[in-house]
C-alpha atoms as a PDB file:
ATOM      1  CA  UNK A   1      60.338 -37.586-127.756  1.00  0.00           C
ATOM      2  CA  UNK A   2      57.079 -36.729-129.517  1.00  0.00           C
ATOM      3  CA  UNK A   3      56.708 -37.595-133.184  1.00  0.00           C
ATOM      4  CA  UNK A   4      56.447 -34.858-135.819  1.00  0.00           C
ATOM      5  CA  UNK A   5      52.786 -35.763-136.403  1.00  0.00           C
ATOM      6  CA  UNK A   6      50.159 -37.150-134.061  1.00  0.00           C
ATOM      7  CA  UNK A   7      48.791 -39.365-136.858  1.00  0.00           C
ATOM      8  CA  UNK A   8      50.679 -40.581-139.899  1.00  0.00           C
ATOM      9  CA  UNK A   9      49.920 -43.130-142.602  1.00  0.00           C
ATOM     10  CA  UNK A  10      52.786 -44.356-144.772  1.00  0.00           C
ATOM     11  CA  UNK A  11      51.726 -46.279-147.867  1.00  0.00           C
ATOM     12  CA  UNK A  12      48.855 -47.777-145.862  1.00  0.00           C
ATOM     13  CA  UNK A  13      47.036 -50.588-147.671  1.00  0.00           C
ATOM     14  CA  UNK A  14      44.344 -53.020-146.526  1.00  0.00           C
ATOM     15  CA  UNK A  15      42.668 -55.696-148.642  1.00  0.00           C
ATOM     16  CA  UNK A  16      39.630 -57.861-147.984  1.00  0.00           C
ATOM     17  CA  UNK A  17      39.918 -60.684-150.486  1.00  0.00           C
ATOM     18  CA  UNK A  18      39.909 -59.163-153.958  1.00  0.00           C
ATOM     19  CA  UNK A  19      38.764 -55.766-152.635  1.00  0.00           C
ATOM     20  CA  UNK A  20      41.381 -53.146-151.783  1.00  0.00           C
ATOM     21  CA  UNK A  21      39.612 -51.036-149.140  1.00  0.00           C
ATOM     22  CA  UNK A  22      42.541 -48.668-148.463  1.00  0.00           C
ATOM     23  CA  UNK A  23      45.082 -48.170-151.208  1.00  0.00           C
ATOM     24  CA  UNK A  24      48.625 -46.837-150.588  1.00  0.00           C
ATOM     25  CA  UNK A  25      47.360 -44.087-148.263  1.00  0.00           C
ATOM     26  CA  UNK A  26      49.765 -41.350-147.195  1.00  0.00           C
ATOM     27  CA  UNK A  27      48.424 -39.001-144.551  1.00  0.00           C
ATOM     28  CA  UNK A  28      49.902 -36.656-141.917  1.00  0.00           C
ATOM     29  CA  UNK A  29      47.893 -34.958-139.178  1.00  0.00           C
ATOM     30  CA  UNK A  30      49.542 -32.615-136.644  1.00  0.00           C
ATOM     31  CA  UNK A  31      48.489 -32.268-133.023  1.00  0.00           C
ATOM     32  CA  UNK A  32      45.438 -30.192-132.237  1.00  0.00           C
ATOM     33  CA  UNK A  33      43.816 -30.552-135.668  1.00  0.00           C
ATOM     34  CA  UNK A  34      40.351 -31.702-136.698  1.00  0.00           C
ATOM     35  CA  UNK A  35      40.806 -33.687-139.907  1.00  0.00           C
ATOM     36  CA  UNK A  36      37.748 -34.887-141.809  1.00  0.00           C
ATOM     37  CA  UNK A  37      37.698 -37.859-144.165  1.00  0.00           C
ATOM     38  CA  UNK A  38      34.896 -37.518-146.705  1.00  0.00           C
ATOM     39  CA  UNK A  39      33.868 -40.083-149.266  1.00  0.00           C
ATOM     40  CA  UNK A  40      31.031 -42.254-150.577  1.00  0.00           C
ATOM     41  CA  UNK A  41      30.094 -45.563-148.984  1.00  0.00           C
ATOM     42  CA  UNK A  42      32.910 -48.036-149.545  1.00  0.00           C
ATOM     43  CA  UNK A  43      35.576 -45.334-149.959  1.00  0.00           C
ATOM     44  CA  UNK A  44      37.704 -46.791-147.150  1.00  0.00           C
ATOM     45  CA  UNK A  45      37.037 -44.231-144.401  1.00  0.00           C
ATOM     46  CA  UNK A  46      36.012 -46.619-141.624  1.00  0.00           C
ATOM     47  CA  UNK A  47      38.781 -49.062-142.533  1.00  0.00           C
ATOM     48  CA  UNK A  48      41.292 -46.220-142.177  1.00  0.00           C
ATOM     49  CA  UNK A  49      40.069 -45.457-138.654  1.00  0.00           C
ATOM     50  CA  UNK A  50      40.209 -49.127-137.684  1.00  0.00           C
ATOM     51  CA  UNK A  51      43.794 -49.380-138.960  1.00  0.00           C
ATOM     52  CA  UNK A  52      44.857 -46.415-136.816  1.00  0.00           C
ATOM     53  CA  UNK A  53      43.111 -47.916-133.779  1.00  0.00           C
ATOM     54  CA  UNK A  54      44.874 -51.268-134.194  1.00  0.00           C
ATOM     55  CA  UNK A  55      41.581 -53.121-134.644  1.00  0.00           C
ATOM     56  CA  UNK A  56      42.886 -54.581-137.909  1.00  0.00           C
ATOM     57  CA  UNK A  57      46.395 -54.837-139.350  1.00  0.00           C
ATOM     58  CA  UNK A  58      47.494 -53.440-142.722  1.00  0.00           C
ATOM     59  CA  UNK A  59      48.626 -55.627-145.587  1.00  0.00           C
ATOM     60  CA  UNK A  60      51.253 -53.028-146.495  1.00  0.00           C
ATOM     61  CA  UNK A  61      52.523 -49.776-145.017  1.00  0.00           C
ATOM     62  CA  UNK A  62      52.122 -48.348-141.530  1.00  0.00           C
ATOM     63  CA  UNK A  63      49.634 -46.399-139.450  1.00  0.00           C
ATOM     64  CA  UNK A  64      51.359 -44.460-136.667  1.00  0.00           C
ATOM     65  CA  UNK A  65      49.877 -42.779-133.578  1.00  0.00           C
ATOM     66  CA  UNK A  66      52.429 -40.330-132.158  1.00  0.00           C
ATOM     67  CA  UNK A  67      55.100 -42.474-133.796  1.00  0.00           C
ATOM     68  CA  UNK A  68      53.749 -45.749-132.347  1.00  0.00           C
ATOM     69  CA  UNK A  69      52.713 -48.562-134.675  1.00  0.00           C
ATOM     70  CA  UNK A  70      49.486 -50.124-133.319  1.00  0.00           C
ATOM     71  CA  UNK A  71      50.240 -53.371-135.174  1.00  0.00           C
ATOM     72  CA  UNK A  72      53.292 -53.807-132.920  1.00  0.00           C
ATOM     73  CA  UNK A  73      52.249 -52.046-129.695  1.00  0.00           C
ATOM     74  CA  UNK A  74      48.467 -52.021-129.641  1.00  0.00           C
ATOM     75  CA  UNK A  75      48.177 -51.594-125.863  1.00  0.00           C
ATOM     76  CA  UNK A  76      50.418 -48.520-125.888  1.00  0.00           C
ATOM     77  CA  UNK A  77      48.241 -46.981-128.606  1.00  0.00           C
ATOM     78  CA  UNK A  78      44.898 -47.843-127.030  1.00  0.00           C
ATOM     79  CA  UNK A  79      45.830 -46.001-123.852  1.00  0.00           C
ATOM     80  CA  UNK A  80      46.158 -42.813-125.911  1.00  0.00           C
ATOM     81  CA  UNK A  81      43.113 -42.976-128.189  1.00  0.00           C
ATOM     82  CA  UNK A  82      39.347 -42.871-128.062  1.00  0.00           C
ATOM     83  CA  UNK A  83      37.244 -44.540-130.769  1.00  0.00           C
ATOM     84  CA  UNK A  84      33.559 -43.818-131.325  1.00  0.00           C
ATOM     85  CA  UNK A  85      32.082 -46.144-133.976  1.00  0.00           C
ATOM     86  CA  UNK A  86      28.948 -45.482-136.011  1.00  0.00           C
ATOM     87  CA  UNK A  87      26.675 -47.724-133.968  1.00  0.00           C
ATOM     88  CA  UNK A  88      25.593 -46.676-130.483  1.00  0.00           C
ATOM     89  CA  UNK A  89      27.489 -49.155-128.322  1.00  0.00           C
ATOM     90  CA  UNK A  90      26.388 -48.300-124.779  1.00  0.00           C
ATOM     91  CA  UNK A  91      23.976 -50.127-122.487  1.00  0.00           C
ATOM     92  CA  UNK A  92      20.427 -48.961-123.109  1.00  0.00           C
ATOM     93  CA  UNK A  93      19.115 -50.463-119.860  1.00  0.00           C
ATOM     94  CA  UNK A  94      21.575 -48.414-117.773  1.00  0.00           C
ATOM     95  CA  UNK A  95      21.233 -44.729-116.990  1.00  0.00           C
ATOM     96  CA  UNK A  96      23.588 -42.063-118.317  1.00  0.00           C
ATOM     97  CA  UNK A  97      25.384 -42.019-114.984  1.00  0.00           C
ATOM     98  CA  UNK A  98      25.598 -45.822-114.753  1.00  0.00           C
ATOM     99  CA  UNK A  99      27.081 -46.045-118.254  1.00  0.00           C
ATOM    100  CA  UNK A 100      29.733 -43.512-117.302  1.00  0.00           C
ATOM    101  CA  UNK A 101      30.537 -45.372-114.069  1.00  0.00           C
ATOM    102  CA  UNK A 102      30.881 -48.606-116.035  1.00  0.00           C
ATOM    103  CA  UNK A 103      33.293 -47.172-118.588  1.00  0.00           C
ATOM    104  CA  UNK A 104      35.230 -45.313-115.905  1.00  0.00           C
ATOM    105  CA  UNK A 105      35.786 -48.650-114.164  1.00  0.00           C
ATOM    106  CA  UNK A 106      37.021 -50.187-117.434  1.00  0.00           C
ATOM    107  CA  UNK A 107      39.541 -47.358-117.811  1.00  0.00           C
ATOM    108  CA  UNK A 108      40.604 -47.553-114.164  1.00  0.00           C
ATOM    109  CA  UNK A 109      39.242 -44.082-113.383  1.00  0.00           C
ATOM    110  CA  UNK A 110      38.173 -44.176-109.724  1.00  0.00           C
ATOM    111  CA  UNK A 111      37.302 -41.923-106.808  1.00  0.00           C
ATOM    112  CA  UNK A 112      37.682 -38.159-106.901  1.00  0.00           C
ATOM    113  CA  UNK A 113      39.348 -38.104-110.340  1.00  0.00           C
ATOM    114  CA  UNK A 114      36.425 -40.009-111.877  1.00  0.00           C
ATOM    115  CA  UNK A 115      33.820 -37.792-110.189  1.00  0.00           C
ATOM    116  CA  UNK A 116      35.575 -34.593-111.290  1.00  0.00           C
ATOM    117  CA  UNK A 117      35.925 -35.730-114.896  1.00  0.00           C
ATOM    118  CA  UNK A 118      32.319 -36.971-115.061  1.00  0.00           C
ATOM    119  CA  UNK A 119      31.060 -33.668-113.671  1.00  0.00           C
ATOM    120  CA  UNK A 120      33.100 -31.720-116.241  1.00  0.00           C
ATOM    121  CA  UNK A 121      31.880 -33.879-119.125  1.00  0.00           C
ATOM    122  CA  UNK A 122      28.218 -33.700-118.058  1.00  0.00           C
ATOM    123  CA  UNK A 123      28.458 -29.929-117.771  1.00  0.00           C
ATOM    124  CA  UNK A 124      30.278 -29.540-121.108  1.00  0.00           C
ATOM    125  CA  UNK A 125      27.684 -31.644-122.950  1.00  0.00           C
ATOM    126  CA  UNK A 126      24.736 -30.103-121.062  1.00  0.00           C
ATOM    127  CA  UNK A 127      23.694 -33.585-119.984  1.00  0.00           C
ATOM    128  CA  UNK A 128      23.583 -32.922-116.209  1.00  0.00           C
ATOM    129  CA  UNK A 129      19.752 -32.895-116.042  1.00  0.00           C
ATOM    130  CA  UNK A 130      19.638 -36.323-117.720  1.00  0.00           C
ATOM    131  CA  UNK A 131      22.195 -38.266-115.678  1.00  0.00           C
ATOM    132  CA  UNK A 132      19.474 -40.558-114.231  1.00  0.00           C
ATOM    133  CA  UNK A 133      17.710 -41.172-117.568  1.00  0.00           C
ATOM    134  CA  UNK A 134      18.061 -44.596-119.203  1.00  0.00           C
ATOM    135  CA  UNK A 135      20.326 -44.489-122.241  1.00  0.00           C
ATOM    136  CA  UNK A 136      17.640 -46.236-124.287  1.00  0.00           C
ATOM    137  CA  UNK A 137      15.287 -43.301-123.669  1.00  0.00           C
ATOM    138  CA  UNK A 138      17.688 -40.641-124.914  1.00  0.00           C
ATOM    139  CA  UNK A 139      17.293 -38.805-128.210  1.00  0.00           C
ATOM    140  CA  UNK A 140      19.754 -39.520-131.011  1.00  0.00           C
ATOM    141  CA  UNK A 141      21.797 -36.423-130.220  1.00  0.00           C
ATOM    142  CA  UNK A 142      21.932 -37.237-126.501  1.00  0.00           C
ATOM    143  CA  UNK A 143      23.051 -40.795-127.254  1.00  0.00           C
ATOM    144  CA  UNK A 144      25.934 -39.421-129.293  1.00  0.00           C
ATOM    145  CA  UNK A 145      26.898 -37.072-126.474  1.00  0.00           C
ATOM    146  CA  UNK A 146      26.845 -40.001-124.030  1.00  0.00           C
ATOM    147  CA  UNK A 147      28.989 -42.069-126.402  1.00  0.00           C
ATOM    148  CA  UNK A 148      31.432 -39.167-126.687  1.00  0.00           C
ATOM    149  CA  UNK A 149      31.634 -38.766-122.900  1.00  0.00           C
ATOM    150  CA  UNK A 150      32.334 -42.475-122.473  1.00  0.00           C
ATOM    151  CA  UNK A 151      35.097 -42.232-125.089  1.00  0.00           C
ATOM    152  CA  UNK A 152      36.685 -39.270-123.283  1.00  0.00           C
ATOM    153  CA  UNK A 153      36.696 -40.729-119.770  1.00  0.00           C
ATOM    154  CA  UNK A 154      40.349 -41.796-119.921  1.00  0.00           C
ATOM    155  CA  UNK A 155      41.455 -38.426-121.370  1.00  0.00           C
ATOM    156  CA  UNK A 156      42.738 -39.643-124.772  1.00  0.00           C
ATOM    157  CA  UNK A 157      45.169 -37.648-126.876  1.00  0.00           C
ATOM    158  CA  UNK A 158      43.512 -38.669-130.157  1.00  0.00           C
ATOM    159  CA  UNK A 159      39.818 -39.096-130.898  1.00  0.00           C
ATOM    160  CA  UNK A 160      38.542 -41.205-133.809  1.00  0.00           C
ATOM    161  CA  UNK A 161      34.920 -40.512-134.737  1.00  0.00           C
ATOM    162  CA  UNK A 162      33.101 -42.534-137.394  1.00  0.00           C
ATOM    163  CA  UNK A 163      30.239 -40.397-138.766  1.00  0.00           C
ATOM    164  CA  UNK A 164      29.507 -39.090-135.251  1.00  0.00           C
ATOM    165  CA  UNK A 165      26.466 -36.960-136.137  1.00  0.00           C
ATOM    166  CA  UNK A 166      24.783 -39.264-138.652  1.00  0.00           C
ATOM    167  CA  UNK A 167      21.035 -38.998-138.083  1.00  0.00           C
ATOM    168  CA  UNK A 168      21.407 -36.335-135.397  1.00  0.00           C
ATOM    169  CA  UNK A 169      19.218 -33.207-135.407  1.00  0.00           C
ATOM    170  CA  UNK A 170      20.807 -29.862-136.421  1.00  0.00           C
ATOM    171  CA  UNK A 171      20.840 -28.399-132.881  1.00  0.00           C
ATOM    172  CA  UNK A 172      22.580 -31.465-131.446  1.00  0.00           C
ATOM    173  CA  UNK A 173      25.043 -31.440-134.349  1.00  0.00           C
ATOM    174  CA  UNK A 174      25.959 -27.848-133.510  1.00  0.00           C
ATOM    175  CA  UNK A 175      26.393 -28.728-129.823  1.00  0.00           C
ATOM    176  CA  UNK A 176      28.578 -31.685-130.784  1.00  0.00           C
ATOM    177  CA  UNK A 177      30.890 -29.467-132.835  1.00  0.00           C
ATOM    178  CA  UNK A 178      31.145 -26.867-130.085  1.00  0.00           C
ATOM    179  CA  UNK A 179      32.334 -29.664-127.785  1.00  0.00           C
ATOM    180  CA  UNK A 180      34.920 -30.814-130.345  1.00  0.00           C
ATOM    181  CA  UNK A 181      36.322 -27.303-130.779  1.00  0.00           C
ATOM    182  CA  UNK A 182      36.654 -26.951-127.025  1.00  0.00           C
ATOM    183  CA  UNK A 183      38.495 -30.272-126.745  1.00  0.00           C
ATOM    184  CA  UNK A 184      40.854 -29.385-129.610  1.00  0.00           C
ATOM    185  CA  UNK A 185      41.713 -26.084-127.935  1.00  0.00           C
ATOM    186  CA  UNK A 186      42.872 -28.199-124.996  1.00  0.00           C
ATOM    187  CA  UNK A 187      45.215 -30.171-127.268  1.00  0.00           C
ATOM    188  CA  UNK A 188      43.113 -33.100-128.534  1.00  0.00           C
ATOM    189  CA  UNK A 189      43.601 -34.341-132.122  1.00  0.00           C
ATOM    190  CA  UNK A 190      40.501 -35.519-134.002  1.00  0.00           C
ATOM    191  CA  UNK A 191      40.188 -37.718-137.092  1.00  0.00           C
ATOM    192  CA  UNK A 192      36.579 -38.117-138.155  1.00  0.00           C
ATOM    193  CA  UNK A 193      34.570 -39.407-141.073  1.00  0.00           C
ATOM    194  CA  UNK A 194      31.439 -37.653-142.216  1.00  0.00           C
ATOM    195  CA  UNK A 195      28.798 -37.958-144.890  1.00  0.00           C
ATOM    196  CA  UNK A 196      27.799 -34.303-144.444  1.00  0.00           C
ATOM    197  CA  UNK A 197      29.700 -31.982-146.739  1.00  0.00           C
ATOM    198  CA  UNK A 198      28.596 -28.897-144.805  1.00  0.00           C
ATOM    199  CA  UNK A 199      30.038 -30.567-141.701  1.00  0.00           C
ATOM    200  CA  UNK A 200      33.350 -31.154-143.451  1.00  0.00           C
ATOM    201  CA  UNK A 201      33.564 -27.365-143.857  1.00  0.00           C
ATOM    202  CA  UNK A 202      34.043 -27.160-140.074  1.00  0.00           C
ATOM    203  CA  UNK A 203      37.234 -29.238-140.129  1.00  0.00           C
ATOM    204  CA  UNK A 204      40.664 -27.645-140.196  1.00  0.00           C
ATOM    205  CA  UNK A 205      41.516 -29.851-143.173  1.00  0.00           C
ATOM    206  CA  UNK A 206      39.598 -32.375-145.231  1.00  0.00           C
ATOM    207  CA  UNK A 207      40.678 -35.395-147.246  1.00  0.00           C
ATOM    208  CA  UNK A 208      38.420 -36.637-150.015  1.00  0.00           C
ATOM    209  CA  UNK A 209      38.561 -40.427-150.436  1.00  0.00           C
ATOM    210  CA  UNK A 210      37.298 -42.560-153.283  1.00  0.00           C
ATOM    211  CA  UNK A 211      37.884 -46.277-153.852  1.00  0.00           C
ATOM    212  CA  UNK A 212      40.452 -46.411-151.062  1.00  0.00           C
ATOM    213  CA  UNK A 213      42.557 -43.487-152.280  1.00  0.00           C
ATOM    214  CA  UNK A 214      43.039 -39.957-151.052  1.00  0.00           C
ATOM    215  CA  UNK A 215      42.198 -37.900-154.132  1.00  0.00           C
ATOM    216  CA  UNK A 216      42.284 -34.390-152.660  1.00  0.00           C
ATOM    217  CA  UNK A 217      43.498 -32.891-149.384  1.00  0.00           C
ATOM    218  CA  UNK A 218      43.502 -29.281-148.240  1.00  0.00           C
ATOM    219  CA  UNK A 219      41.728 -26.733-146.065  1.00  0.00           C
ATOM    220  CA  UNK A 220      38.024 -26.539-147.034  1.00  0.00           C
ATOM    221  CA  UNK A 221      38.294 -23.064-148.581  1.00  0.00           C
ATOM    222  CA  UNK A 222      41.002 -24.158-151.002  1.00  0.00           C
ATOM    223  CA  UNK A 223      39.280 -27.452-151.814  1.00  0.00           C
ATOM    224  CA  UNK A 224      36.344 -25.495-153.224  1.00  0.00           C
ATOM    225  CA  UNK A 225      38.680 -23.897-155.780  1.00  0.00           C
ATOM    226  CA  UNK A 226      40.949 -26.858-156.501  1.00  0.00           C
ATOM    227  CA  UNK A 227      39.617 -27.641-159.980  1.00  0.00           C
ATOM    228  CA  UNK A 228      40.731 -25.980-163.190  1.00  0.00           C
ATOM    229  CA  UNK A 229      37.155 -26.261-164.458  1.00  0.00           C
ATOM    230  CA  UNK A 230      34.686 -23.594-163.360  1.00  0.00           C
ATOM    231  CA  UNK A 231      31.355 -24.233-161.697  1.00  0.00           C
ATOM    232  CA  UNK A 232      28.196 -23.035-163.460  1.00  0.00           C
ATOM    233  CA  UNK A 233      24.579 -22.939-162.374  1.00  0.00           C
ATOM    234  CA  UNK A 234      22.510 -24.133-165.336  1.00  0.00           C
ATOM    235  CA  UNK A 235      18.820 -23.228-165.109  1.00  0.00           C
ATOM    236  CA  UNK A 236      15.717 -24.045-167.103  1.00  0.00           C
ATOM    237  CA  UNK A 237      12.187 -23.483-165.721  1.00  0.00           C
ATOM    238  CA  UNK A 238      10.702 -26.880-166.669  1.00  0.00           C
ATOM    239  CA  UNK A 239      11.822 -29.702-164.366  1.00  0.00           C
ATOM    240  CA  UNK A 240      11.486 -32.486-166.969  1.00  0.00           C
ATOM    241  CA  UNK A 241      13.439 -30.415-169.484  1.00  0.00           C
ATOM    242  CA  UNK A 242      16.075 -29.689-166.861  1.00  0.00           C
ATOM    243  CA  UNK A 243      16.610 -33.437-166.317  1.00  0.00           C
ATOM    244  CA  UNK A 244      16.994 -33.991-170.045  1.00  0.00           C
ATOM    245  CA  UNK A 245      19.412 -31.063-170.206  1.00  0.00           C
ATOM    246  CA  UNK A 246      21.529 -32.672-167.484  1.00  0.00           C
ATOM    247  CA  UNK A 247      21.759 -35.897-169.480  1.00  0.00           C
ATOM    248  CA  UNK A 248      22.696 -33.880-172.574  1.00  0.00           C
ATOM    249  CA  UNK A 249      25.470 -32.020-170.741  1.00  0.00           C
ATOM    250  CA  UNK A 250      26.963 -35.177-169.251  1.00  0.00           C
ATOM    251  CA  UNK A 251      27.565 -36.505-172.759  1.00  0.00           C
ATOM    252  CA  UNK A 252      29.345 -33.374-173.943  1.00  0.00           C
ATOM    253  CA  UNK A 253      33.156 -33.476-174.290  1.00  0.00           C
ATOM    254  CA  UNK A 254      34.853 -31.324-171.690  1.00  0.00           C
ATOM    255  CA  UNK A 255      32.017 -31.441-169.117  1.00  0.00           C
ATOM    256  CA  UNK A 256      33.520 -32.809-165.912  1.00  0.00           C
ATOM    257  CA  UNK A 257      30.179 -33.207-164.140  1.00  0.00           C
ATOM    258  CA  UNK A 258      26.583 -31.999-164.437  1.00  0.00           C
ATOM    259  CA  UNK A 259      24.505 -32.846-161.380  1.00  0.00           C
ATOM    260  CA  UNK A 260      20.997 -31.774-160.380  1.00  0.00           C
ATOM    261  CA  UNK A 261      20.871 -29.554-157.305  1.00  0.00           C
ATOM    262  CA  UNK A 262      17.369 -28.408-156.454  1.00  0.00           C
ATOM    263  CA  UNK A 263      15.985 -26.351-159.327  1.00  0.00           C
ATOM    264  CA  UNK A 264      19.276 -26.143-161.212  1.00  0.00           C
ATOM    265  CA  UNK A 265      22.198 -28.171-162.508  1.00  0.00           C
ATOM    266  CA  UNK A 266      25.678 -27.598-161.102  1.00  0.00           C
ATOM    267  CA  UNK A 267      28.123 -28.197-163.945  1.00  0.00           C
ATOM    268  CA  UNK A 268      31.916 -28.006-164.093  1.00  0.00           C
ATOM    269  CA  UNK A 269      32.985 -26.734-167.513  1.00  0.00           C
ATOM    270  CA  UNK A 270      36.248 -25.708-169.161  1.00  0.00           C
ATOM    271  CA  UNK A 271      36.942 -22.018-168.425  1.00  0.00           C
ATOM    272  CA  UNK A 272      37.567 -20.866-172.003  1.00  0.00           C
ATOM    273  CA  UNK A 273      34.976 -18.426-173.349  1.00  0.00           C
ATOM    274  CA  UNK A 274      35.063 -20.088-176.776  1.00  0.00           C
ATOM    275  CA  UNK A 275      33.962 -23.375-175.169  1.00  0.00           C
ATOM    276  CA  UNK A 276      31.040 -21.685-173.409  1.00  0.00           C
ATOM    277  CA  UNK A 277      29.935 -19.911-176.591  1.00  0.00           C
ATOM    278  CA  UNK A 278      29.995 -23.189-178.532  1.00  0.00           C
ATOM    279  CA  UNK A 279      28.127 -25.008-175.744  1.00  0.00           C
ATOM    280  CA  UNK A 280      25.350 -22.411-175.707  1.00  0.00           C
ATOM    281  CA  UNK A 281      24.929 -22.848-179.471  1.00  0.00           C
ATOM    282  CA  UNK A 282      24.828 -26.654-179.126  1.00  0.00           C
ATOM    283  CA  UNK A 283      22.226 -26.409-176.332  1.00  0.00           C
ATOM    284  CA  UNK A 284      20.016 -24.238-178.520  1.00  0.00           C
ATOM    285  CA  UNK A 285      20.444 -26.540-181.545  1.00  0.00           C
ATOM    286  CA  UNK A 286      19.416 -29.496-179.349  1.00  0.00           C
ATOM    287  CA  UNK A 287      16.069 -27.792-178.761  1.00  0.00           C
ATOM    288  CA  UNK A 288      16.535 -26.580-175.187  1.00  0.00           C
ATOM    289  CA  UNK A 289      14.888 -23.173-174.815  1.00  0.00           C
ATOM    290  CA  UNK A 290      15.174 -20.691-171.947  1.00  0.00           C
ATOM    291  CA  UNK A 291      18.496 -22.059-170.639  1.00  0.00           C
ATOM    292  CA  UNK A 292      20.826 -19.833-168.638  1.00  0.00           C
ATOM    293  CA  UNK A 293      24.444 -20.564-167.682  1.00  0.00           C
ATOM    294  CA  UNK A 294      25.836 -18.461-164.856  1.00  0.00           C
ATOM    295  CA  UNK A 295      29.178 -18.927-163.122  1.00  0.00           C
ATOM    296  CA  UNK A 296      28.650 -19.885-159.478  1.00  0.00           C
ATOM    297  CA  UNK A 297      30.693 -20.292-156.306  1.00  0.00           C
ATOM    298  CA  UNK A 298      31.245 -24.065-155.934  1.00  0.00           C
ATOM    299  CA  UNK A 299      30.397 -25.778-152.681  1.00  0.00           C
ATOM    300  CA  UNK A 300      32.522 -28.521-151.167  1.00  0.00           C
ATOM    301  CA  UNK A 301      29.831 -30.949-152.284  1.00  0.00           C
ATOM    302  CA  UNK A 302      30.020 -29.687-155.894  1.00  0.00           C
ATOM    303  CA  UNK A 303      33.788 -30.227-155.984  1.00  0.00           C
ATOM    304  CA  UNK A 304      33.592 -33.601-154.293  1.00  0.00           C
ATOM    305  CA  UNK A 305      31.007 -34.957-156.758  1.00  0.00           C
ATOM    306  CA  UNK A 306      33.002 -33.616-159.708  1.00  0.00           C
ATOM    307  CA  UNK A 307      36.162 -35.327-158.429  1.00  0.00           C
ATOM    308  CA  UNK A 308      34.358 -38.631-157.919  1.00  0.00           C
ATOM    309  CA  UNK A 309      32.993 -38.428-161.467  1.00  0.00           C
ATOM    310  CA  UNK A 310      36.538 -37.829-162.736  1.00  0.00           C
ATOM    311  CA  UNK A 311      37.865 -40.778-160.702  1.00  0.00           C
ATOM    312  CA  UNK A 312      35.115 -43.025-162.072  1.00  0.00           C
ATOM    313  CA  UNK A 313      36.586 -42.551-165.537  1.00  0.00           C
ATOM    314  CA  UNK A 314      40.118 -43.479-164.464  1.00  0.00           C
ATOM    315  CA  UNK A 315      41.470 -47.031-164.277  1.00  0.00           C
ATOM    316  CA  UNK A 316      42.662 -48.103-160.834  1.00  0.00           C
ATOM    317  CA  UNK A 317      45.697 -50.249-160.203  1.00  0.00           C
ATOM    318  CA  UNK A 318      47.133 -51.379-156.883  1.00  0.00           C
ATOM    319  CA  UNK A 319      50.205 -49.212-157.485  1.00  0.00           C
ATOM    320  CA  UNK A 320      48.252 -46.053-158.345  1.00  0.00           C
ATOM    321  CA  UNK A 321      48.389 -43.359-155.643  1.00  0.00           C
ATOM    322  CA  UNK A 322      47.141 -40.093-157.148  1.00  0.00           C
ATOM    323  CA  UNK A 323      47.117 -37.315-154.567  1.00  0.00           C
ATOM    324  CA  UNK A 324      45.997 -33.856-155.548  1.00  0.00           C
ATOM    325  CA  UNK A 325      46.102 -30.610-153.580  1.00  0.00           C
ATOM    326  CA  UNK A 326      47.787 -29.683-150.318  1.00  0.00           C
ATOM    327  CA  UNK A 327      49.586 -32.892-149.449  1.00  0.00           C
ATOM    328  CA  UNK A 328      52.434 -32.447-147.041  1.00  0.00           C
END
C-alpha cells in the first residue's frame, strides 16, 4: 500500500559536531509535485537531500520515501530514487552514448529496454546529435542534461536534484525545466535545491530554509504575500546617497529589511500610514533629499531576504522549530 506522501520528514535532525545542519525538519511532499528548497549556503538543503537518499543517517527523526526509511532499508529506497549532485559526476573521456551505456549496465538495463529508454531520453533532451561527443567537450547545459539522463535510466519514482542549473545558460535552464515538467506529468516526484529565486517560482511549492530550519512553506504566489509588512521601493537619484539611506533605514525601528536592488532599495515596512508619515519626516530631517517611497509588488527574493534578516535576529535552540505559512 502506497504511503500518503511520496516524501516525508518527521522531526529530521542531523548534526556535524557542534553544527546542527538540519534542525527538527517536518516536511510532506505528495506524488507528482516539484518541491523547491531555497536557502543561503549552509542552510541545510544538501544535507536534507542526502538524508532522504540514505547517504547519511539522521541523529533524530526520520526521512521517509514512499513510507520507507532509508536508514533501515537503503537498498529498497535506492531502487526508487535518482540523485543528481551539484558536481558533474560522469566520465569526461567517454562519449554521451558511452556514459549512458555505462550507467545502464550499473542499473541492469539491457537490450531492447535500454535502447528504447536511451532513445527516448536523447530525444526528450534534444541530445541526439551529440551522442558521439565526449562528455568533457559538452557545454555546461549539455553536461547537466547528460547527468539527468543518467539519473533517469532506471526510471526512478523520485528525483533529487541539488542546484541542477547552477552555472547553466538561460536557454539550457529553460530546456531543463521543460524536461522536468514533462517527467512530473508522467508521475515523477521532484525535490530540488536552487539558488535562483526566479527558478523557485517554477516549483509547485517552495520551502525556505535558514540555519537548518524550514521557516516558510507555500506555493510561490502566496509566499510573496506571506509577510504582514509591506514592500516599498525606495528611490533616490544619487547612488552614494542611496547606500547611506539604506544604512539609515536598517537602523530604524520597525524596518524588517532594507536591501539594495539595482537603482532602488526594497524595504519591508509596517503597513500603518502613521508609521510611513513619521518615517518620511525622519528621512527628511536626516538630510536625505529627493527620496520617494512607493509600495511595490514583492518578489520571492524580496520576501526570502526579509525572512532571513528576521531569523538572524532570533536566537536558535535545538528544540526550536518555527514553521510559518502553508505547512500541512
